[in-house]
Structure formats: C-alpha cells, structure tokens
Amino acid sequence: MSADADKEPRLIYTTASDPAEAARLCDALVEENLVACANILGPMASVYRWEGEIQRAQEIAVILKTSADRVARVSARLAELHSYDCPCVVALPIVGGHQPFIDWIVDEAEA
C-alpha cells in the first residue's frame, strides 16, 4: 500500500451485543486514537448461522471512521475487546464526501 493509500479514509462496520458493550468498544478505540469517530446506532434484529444453527439476536450496529493504515489495528483491537468469539468487523472505502470532513477523519486517526 502506498503512503497515499495509507491515508485514505475507511468506514468500519461492527456490531455489539448491547449498548454498554458498544459504548465500551467505541470509547476505547477513540481514546486510543485508532478511530476518529464512532457512531452507535439503535438496536437491530440479526439473523445468522452460527455453529450450524440459525440464530436470532438483538445487536447494536456501530460505524467507525478511520484511515486505511489503521484498519488492521482496529480489527485486532476489536477482536481483543469484544465479547464475541468471532466479531463482525468489515472495512469499506469512502469514495467521496465533504472533503474537510474526510480530511478530519484521516488527520484525527493519525493523532
């Protein structure tokens, strides 16, 4: 990855078991300067297969904003802090938007 690619903004989508866990995860990631911002969304119903069985659960969706060079560290930290054995952590590129906000994401994640 080039130096410029390292500075590209990313959204990371994850889920948490409840609002308290979501807040704990987000607080840690922001305090550790791994993400610039975290959005904790309301409860959602999840349906998934786990260990061969269909599961249904209430979860909290979380969107994190960071830079490309932080994605691996955010993923590893979420795996350490999370209550799930296999937490959902996916990174998505940000392909446009309000440039001052995008610059802030990248600058803040570097702090």
PDB file of N, CA and C in Angstrom:
ATOM      1  N   MET A   1       0.853  -1.177   0.000  1.00  0.00           N
ATOM      2  CA  MET A   1       0.000   0.000   0.000  1.00  0.00           C
ATOM      3  C   MET A   1       0.894   1.234   0.000  1.00  0.00           C
ATOM      4  N   SER A   2       0.616   2.164  -0.870  1.00  0.00           N
ATOM      5  CA  SER A   2       1.410   3.384  -0.946  1.00  0.00           C
ATOM      6  C   SER A   2       1.095   4.291   0.235  1.00  0.00           C
ATOM      7  N   ALA A   3       1.967   5.265   0.453  1.00  0.00           N
ATOM      8  CA  ALA A   3       1.747   6.210   1.550  1.00  0.00           C
ATOM      9  C   ALA A   3       0.423   6.936   1.382  1.00  0.00           C
ATOM     10  N   ASP A   4       0.086   7.306   0.129  1.00  0.00           N
ATOM     11  CA  ASP A   4      -1.195   7.978  -0.111  1.00  0.00           C
ATOM     12  C   ASP A   4      -2.362   7.048   0.187  1.00  0.00           C
ATOM     13  N   ALA A   5      -2.239   5.785  -0.180  1.00  0.00           N
ATOM     14  CA  ALA A   5      -3.312   4.826   0.073  1.00  0.00           C
ATOM     15  C   ALA A   5      -3.495   4.609   1.572  1.00  0.00           C
ATOM     16  N   ASP A   6      -2.413   4.691   2.346  1.00  0.00           N
ATOM     17  CA  ASP A   6      -2.499   4.549   3.802  1.00  0.00           C
ATOM     18  C   ASP A   6      -3.398   5.615   4.411  1.00  0.00           C
ATOM     19  N   LYS A   7      -3.442   6.770   3.770  1.00  0.00           N
ATOM     20  CA  LYS A   7      -4.188   7.913   4.306  1.00  0.00           C
ATOM     21  C   LYS A   7      -5.621   7.998   3.782  1.00  0.00           C
ATOM     22  N   GLU A   8      -6.044   7.024   3.021  1.00  0.00           N
ATOM     23  CA  GLU A   8      -7.420   7.035   2.525  1.00  0.00           C
ATOM     24  C   GLU A   8      -8.376   6.719   3.673  1.00  0.00           C
ATOM     25  N   PRO A   9      -9.530   7.381   3.697  1.00  0.00           N
ATOM     26  CA  PRO A   9     -10.482   7.154   4.782  1.00  0.00           C
ATOM     27  C   PRO A   9     -11.208   5.821   4.623  1.00  0.00           C
ATOM     28  N   ARG A  10     -11.591   5.242   5.744  1.00  0.00           N
ATOM     29  CA  ARG A  10     -12.335   3.989   5.755  1.00  0.00           C
ATOM     30  C   ARG A  10     -13.449   4.060   6.791  1.00  0.00           C
ATOM     31  N   LEU A  11     -14.543   3.384   6.477  1.00  0.00           N
ATOM     32  CA  LEU A  11     -15.590   3.109   7.454  1.00  0.00           C
ATOM     33  C   LEU A  11     -15.411   1.668   7.886  1.00  0.00           C
ATOM     34  N   ILE A  12     -15.531   1.418   9.162  1.00  0.00           N
ATOM     35  CA  ILE A  12     -15.528   0.048   9.673  1.00  0.00           C
ATOM     36  C   ILE A  12     -16.887  -0.195  10.299  1.00  0.00           C
ATOM     37  N   TYR A  13     -17.508  -1.267   9.859  1.00  0.00           N
ATOM     38  CA  TYR A  13     -18.805  -1.674  10.397  1.00  0.00           C
ATOM     39  C   TYR A  13     -18.572  -2.817  11.366  1.00  0.00           C
ATOM     40  N   THR A  14     -19.166  -2.712  12.537  1.00  0.00           N
ATOM     41  CA  THR A  14     -19.114  -3.795  13.518  1.00  0.00           C
ATOM     42  C   THR A  14     -20.436  -3.823  14.265  1.00  0.00           C
ATOM     43  N   THR A  15     -20.602  -4.843  15.076  1.00  0.00           N
ATOM     44  CA  THR A  15     -21.797  -4.957  15.904  1.00  0.00           C
ATOM     45  C   THR A  15     -21.375  -5.242  17.334  1.00  0.00           C
ATOM     46  N   ALA A  16     -22.271  -4.982  18.255  1.00  0.00           N
ATOM     47  CA  ALA A  16     -22.033  -5.258  19.674  1.00  0.00           C
ATOM     48  C   ALA A  16     -23.262  -5.939  20.253  1.00  0.00           C
ATOM     49  N   SER A  17     -23.072  -6.601  21.364  1.00  0.00           N
ATOM     50  CA  SER A  17     -24.159  -7.364  21.973  1.00  0.00           C
ATOM     51  C   SER A  17     -25.210  -6.475  22.625  1.00  0.00           C
ATOM     52  N   ASP A  18     -24.798  -5.287  23.087  1.00  0.00           N
ATOM     53  CA  ASP A  18     -25.738  -4.380  23.757  1.00  0.00           C
ATOM     54  C   ASP A  18     -25.136  -2.969  23.773  1.00  0.00           C
ATOM     55  N   PRO A  19     -25.935  -1.970  24.171  1.00  0.00           N
ATOM     56  CA  PRO A  19     -25.432  -0.592  24.160  1.00  0.00           C
ATOM     57  C   PRO A  19     -24.191  -0.383  25.033  1.00  0.00           C
ATOM     58  N   ALA A  20     -24.110  -1.054  26.160  1.00  0.00           N
ATOM     59  CA  ALA A  20     -22.952  -0.887  27.042  1.00  0.00           C
ATOM     60  C   ALA A  20     -21.679  -1.391  26.374  1.00  0.00           C
ATOM     61  N   GLU A  21     -21.756  -2.537  25.717  1.00  0.00           N
ATOM     62  CA  GLU A  21     -20.571  -3.039  25.026  1.00  0.00           C
ATOM     63  C   GLU A  21     -20.194  -2.108  23.878  1.00  0.00           C
ATOM     64  N   ALA A  22     -21.174  -1.643  23.129  1.00  0.00           N
ATOM     65  CA  ALA A  22     -20.894  -0.720  22.027  1.00  0.00           C
ATOM     66  C   ALA A  22     -20.169   0.516  22.551  1.00  0.00           C
ATOM     67  N   ALA A  23     -20.643   1.095  23.640  1.00  0.00           N
ATOM     68  CA  ALA A  23     -20.012   2.285  24.221  1.00  0.00           C
ATOM     69  C   ALA A  23     -18.592   1.975  24.681  1.00  0.00           C
ATOM     70  N   ARG A  24     -18.394   0.827  25.307  1.00  0.00           N
ATOM     71  CA  ARG A  24     -17.062   0.441  25.791  1.00  0.00           C
ATOM     72  C   ARG A  24     -16.080   0.293  24.632  1.00  0.00           C
ATOM     73  N   LEU A  25     -16.520  -0.374  23.558  1.00  0.00           N
ATOM     74  CA  LEU A  25     -15.665  -0.547  22.384  1.00  0.00           C
ATOM     75  C   LEU A  25     -15.318   0.797  21.751  1.00  0.00           C
ATOM     76  N   CYS A  26     -16.332   1.632  21.560  1.00  0.00           N
ATOM     77  CA  CYS A  26     -16.118   2.935  20.919  1.00  0.00           C
ATOM     78  C   CYS A  26     -15.233   3.832  21.754  1.00  0.00           C
ATOM     79  N   ASP A  27     -15.473   3.872  23.063  1.00  0.00           N
ATOM     80  CA  ASP A  27     -14.632   4.697  23.940  1.00  0.00           C
ATOM     81  C   ASP A  27     -13.169   4.291  23.822  1.00  0.00           C
ATOM     82  N   ALA A  28     -12.897   3.000  23.858  1.00  0.00           N
ATOM     83  CA  ALA A  28     -11.513   2.524  23.786  1.00  0.00           C
ATOM     84  C   ALA A  28     -10.864   2.903  22.458  1.00  0.00           C
ATOM     85  N   LEU A  29     -11.572   2.706  21.361  1.00  0.00           N
ATOM     86  CA  LEU A  29     -10.996   2.982  20.044  1.00  0.00           C
ATOM     87  C   LEU A  29     -10.735   4.464  19.818  1.00  0.00           C
ATOM     88  N   VAL A  30     -11.628   5.317  20.303  1.00  0.00           N
ATOM     89  CA  VAL A  30     -11.420   6.767  20.171  1.00  0.00           C
ATOM     90  C   VAL A  30     -10.291   7.211  21.108  1.00  0.00           C
ATOM     91  N   GLU A  31     -10.310   6.736  22.353  1.00  0.00           N
ATOM     92  CA  GLU A  31      -9.262   7.113  23.306  1.00  0.00           C
ATOM     93  C   GLU A  31      -7.876   6.687  22.828  1.00  0.00           C
ATOM     94  N   GLU A  32      -7.786   5.550  22.152  1.00  0.00           N
ATOM     95  CA  GLU A  32      -6.504   5.034  21.671  1.00  0.00           C
ATOM     96  C   GLU A  32      -6.110   5.602  20.304  1.00  0.00           C
ATOM     97  N   ASN A  33      -6.874   6.577  19.810  1.00  0.00           N
ATOM     98  CA  ASN A  33      -6.619   7.229  18.517  1.00  0.00           C
ATOM     99  C   ASN A  33      -6.603   6.246  17.350  1.00  0.00           C
ATOM    100  N   LEU A  34      -7.356   5.171  17.466  1.00  0.00           N
ATOM    101  CA  LEU A  34      -7.459   4.229  16.355  1.00  0.00           C
ATOM    102  C   LEU A  34      -8.563   4.629  15.391  1.00  0.00           C
ATOM    103  N   VAL A  35      -9.563   5.349  15.894  1.00  0.00           N
ATOM    104  CA  VAL A  35     -10.629   5.868  15.047  1.00  0.00           C
ATOM    105  C   VAL A  35     -10.864   7.330  15.389  1.00  0.00           C
ATOM    106  N   ALA A  36     -11.319   8.084  14.404  1.00  0.00           N
ATOM    107  CA  ALA A  36     -11.621   9.491  14.618  1.00  0.00           C
ATOM    108  C   ALA A  36     -12.983   9.669  15.276  1.00  0.00           C
ATOM    109  N   CYS A  37     -13.884   8.760  14.961  1.00  0.00           N
ATOM    110  CA  CYS A  37     -15.274   8.928  15.373  1.00  0.00           C
ATOM    111  C   CYS A  37     -15.964   7.576  15.373  1.00  0.00           C
ATOM    112  N   ALA A  38     -16.942   7.431  16.230  1.00  0.00           N
ATOM    113  CA  ALA A  38     -17.742   6.210  16.272  1.00  0.00           C
ATOM    114  C   ALA A  38     -19.213   6.590  16.382  1.00  0.00           C
ATOM    115  N   ASN A  39     -20.043   5.916  15.624  1.00  0.00           N
ATOM    116  CA  ASN A  39     -21.491   6.112  15.702  1.00  0.00           C
ATOM    117  C   ASN A  39     -22.116   4.824  16.204  1.00  0.00           C
ATOM    118  N   ILE A  40     -22.850   4.944  17.295  1.00  0.00           N
ATOM    119  CA  ILE A  40     -23.568   3.803  17.866  1.00  0.00           C
ATOM    120  C   ILE A  40     -25.012   3.934  17.419  1.00  0.00           C
ATOM    121  N   LEU A  41     -25.452   2.977  16.625  1.00  0.00           N
ATOM    122  CA  LEU A  41     -26.804   3.005  16.087  1.00  0.00           C
ATOM    123  C   LEU A  41     -27.733   2.189  16.977  1.00  0.00           C
ATOM    124  N   GLY A  42     -29.018   2.373  16.794  1.00  0.00           N
ATOM    125  CA  GLY A  42     -30.007   1.693  17.614  1.00  0.00           C
ATOM    126  C   GLY A  42     -30.006   0.190  17.451  1.00  0.00           C
ATOM    127  N   PRO A  43     -30.779  -0.452  18.282  1.00  0.00           N
ATOM    128  CA  PRO A  43     -30.835  -1.917  18.214  1.00  0.00           C
ATOM    129  C   PRO A  43     -31.372  -2.389  16.868  1.00  0.00           C
ATOM    130  N   MET A  44     -30.907  -3.546  16.477  1.00  0.00           N
ATOM    131  CA  MET A  44     -31.363  -4.168  15.239  1.00  0.00           C
ATOM    132  C   MET A  44     -31.530  -5.656  15.484  1.00  0.00           C
ATOM    133  N   ALA A  45     -32.344  -6.277  14.658  1.00  0.00           N
ATOM    134  CA  ALA A  45     -32.522  -7.724  14.717  1.00  0.00           C
ATOM    135  C   ALA A  45     -31.546  -8.364  13.742  1.00  0.00           C
ATOM    136  N   SER A  46     -30.778  -9.332  14.211  1.00  0.00           N
ATOM    137  CA  SER A  46     -29.837 -10.046  13.364  1.00  0.00           C
ATOM    138  C   SER A  46     -30.262 -11.506  13.263  1.00  0.00           C
ATOM    139  N   VAL A  47     -30.132 -12.046  12.065  1.00  0.00           N
ATOM    140  CA  VAL A  47     -30.394 -13.462  11.809  1.00  0.00           C
ATOM    141  C   VAL A  47     -29.149 -14.003  11.129  1.00  0.00           C
ATOM    142  N   TYR A  48     -28.577 -15.076  11.689  1.00  0.00           N
ATOM    143  CA  TYR A  48     -27.328 -15.605  11.153  1.00  0.00           C
ATOM    144  C   TYR A  48     -27.188 -17.080  11.518  1.00  0.00           C
ATOM    145  N   ARG A  49     -26.284 -17.746  10.820  1.00  0.00           N
ATOM    146  CA  ARG A  49     -25.994 -19.147  11.134  1.00  0.00           C
ATOM    147  C   ARG A  49     -24.713 -19.163  11.964  1.00  0.00           C
ATOM    148  N   TRP A  50     -24.755 -19.843  13.102  1.00  0.00           N
ATOM    149  CA  TRP A  50     -23.577 -19.984  13.955  1.00  0.00           C
ATOM    150  C   TRP A  50     -23.523 -21.412  14.446  1.00  0.00           C
ATOM    151  N   GLU A  51     -22.395 -22.059  14.179  1.00  0.00           N
ATOM    152  CA  GLU A  51     -22.183 -23.449  14.573  1.00  0.00           C
ATOM    153  C   GLU A  51     -23.314 -24.346  14.091  1.00  0.00           C
ATOM    154  N   GLY A  52     -23.743 -24.116  12.844  1.00  0.00           N
ATOM    155  CA  GLY A  52     -24.735 -24.951  12.197  1.00  0.00           C
ATOM    156  C   GLY A  52     -26.182 -24.665  12.550  1.00  0.00           C
ATOM    157  N   GLU A  53     -26.423 -23.704  13.387  1.00  0.00           N
ATOM    158  CA  GLU A  53     -27.785 -23.381  13.826  1.00  0.00           C
ATOM    159  C   GLU A  53     -28.153 -21.954  13.432  1.00  0.00           C
ATOM    160  N   ILE A  54     -29.414 -21.763  13.032  1.00  0.00           N
ATOM    161  CA  ILE A  54     -29.919 -20.411  12.767  1.00  0.00           C
ATOM    162  C   ILE A  54     -30.111 -19.704  14.108  1.00  0.00           C
ATOM    163  N   GLN A  55     -29.543 -18.515  14.212  1.00  0.00           N
ATOM    164  CA  GLN A  55     -29.621 -17.715  15.434  1.00  0.00           C
ATOM    165  C   GLN A  55     -30.359 -16.416  15.146  1.00  0.00           C
ATOM    166  N   ARG A  56     -31.014 -15.908  16.140  1.00  0.00           N
ATOM    167  CA  ARG A  56     -31.649 -14.595  16.084  1.00  0.00           C
ATOM    168  C   ARG A  56     -31.230 -13.841  17.341  1.00  0.00           C
ATOM    169  N   ALA A  57     -30.824 -12.588  17.158  1.00  0.00           N
ATOM    170  CA  ALA A  57     -30.365 -11.809  18.307  1.00  0.00           C
ATOM    171  C   ALA A  57     -30.613 -10.328  18.079  1.00  0.00           C
ATOM    172  N   GLN A  58     -30.743  -9.609  19.163  1.00  0.00           N
ATOM    173  CA  GLN A  58     -30.734  -8.149  19.127  1.00  0.00           C
ATOM    174  C   GLN A  58     -29.279  -7.722  19.224  1.00  0.00           C
ATOM    175  N   GLU A  59     -28.841  -6.838  18.350  1.00  0.00           N
ATOM    176  CA  GLU A  59     -27.478  -6.326  18.388  1.00  0.00           C
ATOM    177  C   GLU A  59     -27.506  -4.818  18.190  1.00  0.00           C
ATOM    178  N   ILE A  60     -26.376  -4.210  18.449  1.00  0.00           N
ATOM    179  CA  ILE A  60     -26.193  -2.782  18.234  1.00  0.00           C
ATOM    180  C   ILE A  60     -25.212  -2.615  17.080  1.00  0.00           C
ATOM    181  N   ALA A  61     -25.582  -1.853  16.075  1.00  0.00           N
ATOM    182  CA  ALA A  61     -24.694  -1.579  14.945  1.00  0.00           C
ATOM    183  C   ALA A  61     -23.780  -0.412  15.300  1.00  0.00           C
ATOM    184  N   VAL A  62     -22.539  -0.499  14.847  1.00  0.00           N
ATOM    185  CA  VAL A  62     -21.549   0.542  15.107  1.00  0.00           C
ATOM    186  C   VAL A  62     -20.816   0.850  13.806  1.00  0.00           C
ATOM    187  N   ILE A  63     -20.647   2.135  13.520  1.00  0.00           N
ATOM    188  CA  ILE A  63     -19.862   2.581  12.373  1.00  0.00           C
ATOM    189  C   ILE A  63     -18.681   3.388  12.906  1.00  0.00           C
ATOM    190  N   LEU A  64     -17.490   2.993  12.495  1.00  0.00           N
ATOM    191  CA  LEU A  64     -16.260   3.646  12.925  1.00  0.00           C
ATOM    192  C   LEU A  64     -15.621   4.335  11.729  1.00  0.00           C
ATOM    193  N   LYS A  65     -14.988   5.462  11.947  1.00  0.00           N
ATOM    194  CA  LYS A  65     -14.323   6.196  10.869  1.00  0.00           C
ATOM    195  C   LYS A  65     -12.838   6.272  11.186  1.00  0.00           C
ATOM    196  N   THR A  66     -12.010   5.855  10.218  1.00  0.00           N
ATOM    197  CA  THR A  66     -10.574   5.824  10.421  1.00  0.00           C
ATOM    198  C   THR A  66      -9.856   5.935   9.084  1.00  0.00           C
ATOM    199  N   SER A  67      -8.548   5.730   9.087  1.00  0.00           N
ATOM    200  CA  SER A  67      -7.768   5.728   7.855  1.00  0.00           C
ATOM    201  C   SER A  67      -7.361   4.297   7.506  1.00  0.00           C
ATOM    202  N   ALA A  68      -7.003   4.089   6.255  1.00  0.00           N
ATOM    203  CA  ALA A  68      -6.680   2.746   5.771  1.00  0.00           C
ATOM    204  C   ALA A  68      -5.563   2.097   6.581  1.00  0.00           C
ATOM    205  N   ASP A  69      -4.577   2.885   6.997  1.00  0.00           N
ATOM    206  CA  ASP A  69      -3.459   2.305   7.735  1.00  0.00           C
ATOM    207  C   ASP A  69      -3.817   1.881   9.153  1.00  0.00           C
ATOM    208  N   ARG A  70      -4.993   2.235   9.623  1.00  0.00           N
ATOM    209  CA  ARG A  70      -5.431   1.857  10.967  1.00  0.00           C
ATOM    210  C   ARG A  70      -6.367   0.633  10.965  1.00  0.00           C
ATOM    211  N   VAL A  71      -6.828   0.200   9.805  1.00  0.00           N
ATOM    212  CA  VAL A  71      -7.840  -0.863   9.736  1.00  0.00           C
ATOM    213  C   VAL A  71      -7.380  -2.141  10.432  1.00  0.00           C
ATOM    214  N   ALA A  72      -6.170  -2.589  10.174  1.00  0.00           N
ATOM    215  CA  ALA A  72      -5.689  -3.834  10.791  1.00  0.00           C
ATOM    216  C   ALA A  72      -5.616  -3.698  12.305  1.00  0.00           C
ATOM    217  N   ARG A  73      -5.165  -2.545  12.793  1.00  0.00           N
ATOM    218  CA  ARG A  73      -5.080  -2.346  14.247  1.00  0.00           C
ATOM    219  C   ARG A  73      -6.459  -2.250  14.893  1.00  0.00           C
ATOM    220  N   VAL A  74      -7.398  -1.587  14.211  1.00  0.00           N
ATOM    221  CA  VAL A  74      -8.764  -1.523  14.733  1.00  0.00           C
ATOM    222  C   VAL A  74      -9.364  -2.929  14.787  1.00  0.00           C
ATOM    223  N   SER A  75      -9.178  -3.695  13.736  1.00  0.00           N
ATOM    224  CA  SER A  75      -9.703  -5.062  13.694  1.00  0.00           C
ATOM    225  C   SER A  75      -9.125  -5.906  14.828  1.00  0.00           C
ATOM    226  N   ALA A  76      -7.822  -5.816  15.030  1.00  0.00           N
ATOM    227  CA  ALA A  76      -7.177  -6.589  16.094  1.00  0.00           C
ATOM    228  C   ALA A  76      -7.662  -6.143  17.474  1.00  0.00           C
ATOM    229  N   ARG A  77      -7.803  -4.845  17.659  1.00  0.00           N
ATOM    230  CA  ARG A  77      -8.253  -4.337  18.964  1.00  0.00           C
ATOM    231  C   ARG A  77      -9.689  -4.743  19.238  1.00  0.00           C
ATOM    232  N   LEU A  78     -10.543  -4.677  18.217  1.00  0.00           N
ATOM    233  CA  LEU A  78     -11.917  -5.132  18.402  1.00  0.00           C
ATOM    234  C   LEU A  78     -11.953  -6.609  18.783  1.00  0.00           C
ATOM    235  N   ALA A  79     -11.129  -7.420  18.144  1.00  0.00           N
ATOM    236  CA  ALA A  79     -11.081  -8.844  18.469  1.00  0.00           C
ATOM    237  C   ALA A  79     -10.659  -9.062  19.926  1.00  0.00           C
ATOM    238  N   GLU A  80      -9.753  -8.229  20.432  1.00  0.00           N
ATOM    239  CA  GLU A  80      -9.310  -8.332  21.828  1.00  0.00           C
ATOM    240  C   GLU A  80     -10.395  -7.924  22.818  1.00  0.00           C
ATOM    241  N   LEU A  81     -11.094  -6.844  22.503  1.00  0.00           N
ATOM    242  CA  LEU A  81     -12.046  -6.248  23.449  1.00  0.00           C
ATOM    243  C   LEU A  81     -13.445  -6.849  23.392  1.00  0.00           C
ATOM    244  N   HIS A  82     -13.797  -7.471  22.299  1.00  0.00           N
ATOM    245  CA  HIS A  82     -15.173  -7.881  22.025  1.00  0.00           C
ATOM    246  C   HIS A  82     -15.580  -9.114  22.823  1.00  0.00           C
ATOM    247  N   SER A  83     -16.852  -9.187  23.149  1.00  0.00           N
ATOM    248  CA  SER A  83     -17.379 -10.362  23.855  1.00  0.00           C
ATOM    249  C   SER A  83     -17.634 -11.543  22.919  1.00  0.00           C
ATOM    250  N   TYR A  84     -17.729 -11.287  21.620  1.00  0.00           N
ATOM    251  CA  TYR A  84     -17.990 -12.364  20.657  1.00  0.00           C
ATOM    252  C   TYR A  84     -16.710 -13.132  20.339  1.00  0.00           C
ATOM    253  N   ASP A  85     -16.852 -14.415  20.063  1.00  0.00           N
ATOM    254  CA  ASP A  85     -15.720 -15.233  19.606  1.00  0.00           C
ATOM    255  C   ASP A  85     -15.250 -14.789  18.228  1.00  0.00           C
ATOM    256  N   CYS A  86     -16.197 -14.388  17.391  1.00  0.00           N
ATOM    257  CA  CYS A  86     -15.898 -14.010  16.009  1.00  0.00           C
ATOM    258  C   CYS A  86     -16.673 -12.733  15.674  1.00  0.00           C
ATOM    259  N   PRO A  87     -16.187 -11.564  16.145  1.00  0.00           N
ATOM    260  CA  PRO A  87     -16.936 -10.330  15.907  1.00  0.00           C
ATOM    261  C   PRO A  87     -16.955  -9.934  14.432  1.00  0.00           C
ATOM    262  N   CYS A  88     -18.058  -9.344  14.038  1.00  0.00           N
ATOM    263  CA  CYS A  88     -18.183  -8.757  12.699  1.00  0.00           C
ATOM    264  C   CYS A  88     -17.305  -7.514  12.660  1.00  0.00           C
ATOM    265  N   VAL A  89     -16.335  -7.496  11.749  1.00  0.00           N
ATOM    266  CA  VAL A  89     -15.504  -6.312  11.523  1.00  0.00           C
ATOM    267  C   VAL A  89     -15.224  -6.272  10.027  1.00  0.00           C
ATOM    268  N   VAL A  90     -15.818  -5.304   9.339  1.00  0.00           N
ATOM    269  CA  VAL A  90     -15.571  -5.158   7.905  1.00  0.00           C
ATOM    270  C   VAL A  90     -15.246  -3.697   7.610  1.00  0.00           C
ATOM    271  N   ALA A  91     -14.282  -3.498   6.720  1.00  0.00           N
ATOM    272  CA  ALA A  91     -13.860  -2.150   6.339  1.00  0.00           C
ATOM    273  C   ALA A  91     -14.352  -1.842   4.936  1.00  0.00           C
ATOM    274  N   LEU A  92     -14.808  -0.628   4.767  1.00  0.00           N
ATOM    275  CA  LEU A  92     -15.332  -0.164   3.485  1.00  0.00           C
ATOM    276  C   LEU A  92     -14.640   1.135   3.094  1.00  0.00           C
ATOM    277  N   PRO A  93     -14.286   1.284   1.817  1.00  0.00           N
ATOM    278  CA  PRO A  93     -13.671   2.545   1.388  1.00  0.00           C
ATOM    279  C   PRO A  93     -14.703   3.666   1.366  1.00  0.00           C
ATOM    280  N   ILE A  94     -14.246   4.846   1.635  1.00  0.00           N
ATOM    281  CA  ILE A  94     -15.064   6.047   1.468  1.00  0.00           C
ATOM    282  C   ILE A  94     -14.634   6.641   0.130  1.00  0.00           C
ATOM    283  N   VAL A  95     -15.547   6.737  -0.812  1.00  0.00           N
ATOM    284  CA  VAL A  95     -15.182   7.153  -2.166  1.00  0.00           C
ATOM    285  C   VAL A  95     -15.554   8.595  -2.488  1.00  0.00           C
ATOM    286  N   GLY A  96     -16.078   9.305  -1.546  1.00  0.00           N
ATOM    287  CA  GLY A  96     -16.418  10.695  -1.775  1.00  0.00           C
ATOM    288  C   GLY A  96     -17.051  11.277  -0.534  1.00  0.00           C
ATOM    289  N   GLY A  97     -17.350  12.562  -0.602  1.00  0.00           N
ATOM    290  CA  GLY A  97     -17.994  13.219   0.517  1.00  0.00           C
ATOM    291  C   GLY A  97     -17.451  14.628   0.703  1.00  0.00           C
ATOM    292  N   HIS A  98     -17.789  15.216   1.808  1.00  0.00           N
ATOM    293  CA  HIS A  98     -17.362  16.573   2.154  1.00  0.00           C
ATOM    294  C   HIS A  98     -15.876  16.522   2.529  1.00  0.00           C
ATOM    295  N   GLN A  99     -15.031  17.060   1.685  1.00  0.00           N
ATOM    296  CA  GLN A  99     -13.576  16.887   1.823  1.00  0.00           C
ATOM    297  C   GLN A  99     -13.034  17.333   3.176  1.00  0.00           C
ATOM    298  N   PRO A 100     -13.490  18.462   3.743  1.00  0.00           N
ATOM    299  CA  PRO A 100     -12.969  18.818   5.067  1.00  0.00           C
ATOM    300  C   PRO A 100     -13.266  17.752   6.128  1.00  0.00           C
ATOM    301  N   PHE A 101     -14.423  17.106   6.045  1.00  0.00           N
ATOM    302  CA  PHE A 101     -14.746  16.032   6.990  1.00  0.00           C
ATOM    303  C   PHE A 101     -13.861  14.819   6.744  1.00  0.00           C
ATOM    304  N   ILE A 102     -13.671  14.454   5.482  1.00  0.00           N
ATOM    305  CA  ILE A 102     -12.814  13.321   5.144  1.00  0.00           C
ATOM    306  C   ILE A 102     -11.385  13.595   5.615  1.00  0.00           C
ATOM    307  N   ASP A 103     -10.882  14.802   5.414  1.00  0.00           N
ATOM    308  CA  ASP A 103      -9.552  15.165   5.902  1.00  0.00           C
ATOM    309  C   ASP A 103      -9.477  15.044   7.417  1.00  0.00           C
ATOM    310  N   TRP A 104     -10.537  15.457   8.111  1.00  0.00           N
ATOM    311  CA  TRP A 104     -10.562  15.371   9.569  1.00  0.00           C
ATOM    312  C   TRP A 104     -10.463  13.911  10.018  1.00  0.00           C
ATOM    313  N   ILE A 105     -11.178  13.003   9.356  1.00  0.00           N
ATOM    314  CA  ILE A 105     -11.114  11.573   9.707  1.00  0.00           C
ATOM    315  C   ILE A 105      -9.659  11.105   9.686  1.00  0.00           C
ATOM    316  N   VAL A 106      -8.998  11.359   8.585  1.00  0.00           N
ATOM    317  CA  VAL A 106      -7.625  10.881   8.403  1.00  0.00           C
ATOM    318  C   VAL A 106      -6.685  11.577   9.384  1.00  0.00           C
ATOM    319  N   ASP A 107      -6.813  12.896   9.548  1.00  0.00           N
ATOM    320  CA  ASP A 107      -5.952  13.629  10.465  1.00  0.00           C
ATOM    321  C   ASP A 107      -6.148  13.171  11.900  1.00  0.00           C
ATOM    322  N   GLU A 108      -7.364  12.975  12.309  1.00  0.00           N
ATOM    323  CA  GLU A 108      -7.671  12.601  13.686  1.00  0.00           C
ATOM    324  C   GLU A 108      -7.190  11.179  13.991  1.00  0.00           C
ATOM    325  N   ALA A 109      -7.307  10.276  13.027  1.00  0.00           N
ATOM    326  CA  ALA A 109      -6.845   8.899  13.238  1.00  0.00           C
ATOM    327  C   ALA A 109      -5.334   8.833  13.349  1.00  0.00           C
ATOM    328  N   GLU A 110      -4.633   9.854  12.858  1.00  0.00           N
ATOM    329  CA  GLU A 110      -3.172   9.892  12.951  1.00  0.00           C
ATOM    330  C   GLU A 110      -2.686  10.507  14.259  1.00  0.00           C
ATOM    331  N   ALA A 111      -3.543  11.200  14.970  1.00  0.00           N
ATOM    332  CA  ALA A 111      -3.130  11.951  16.162  1.00  0.00           C
ATOM    333  C   ALA A 111      -2.492  11.067  17.214  1.00  0.00           C
TER     334      ALA A 111
END
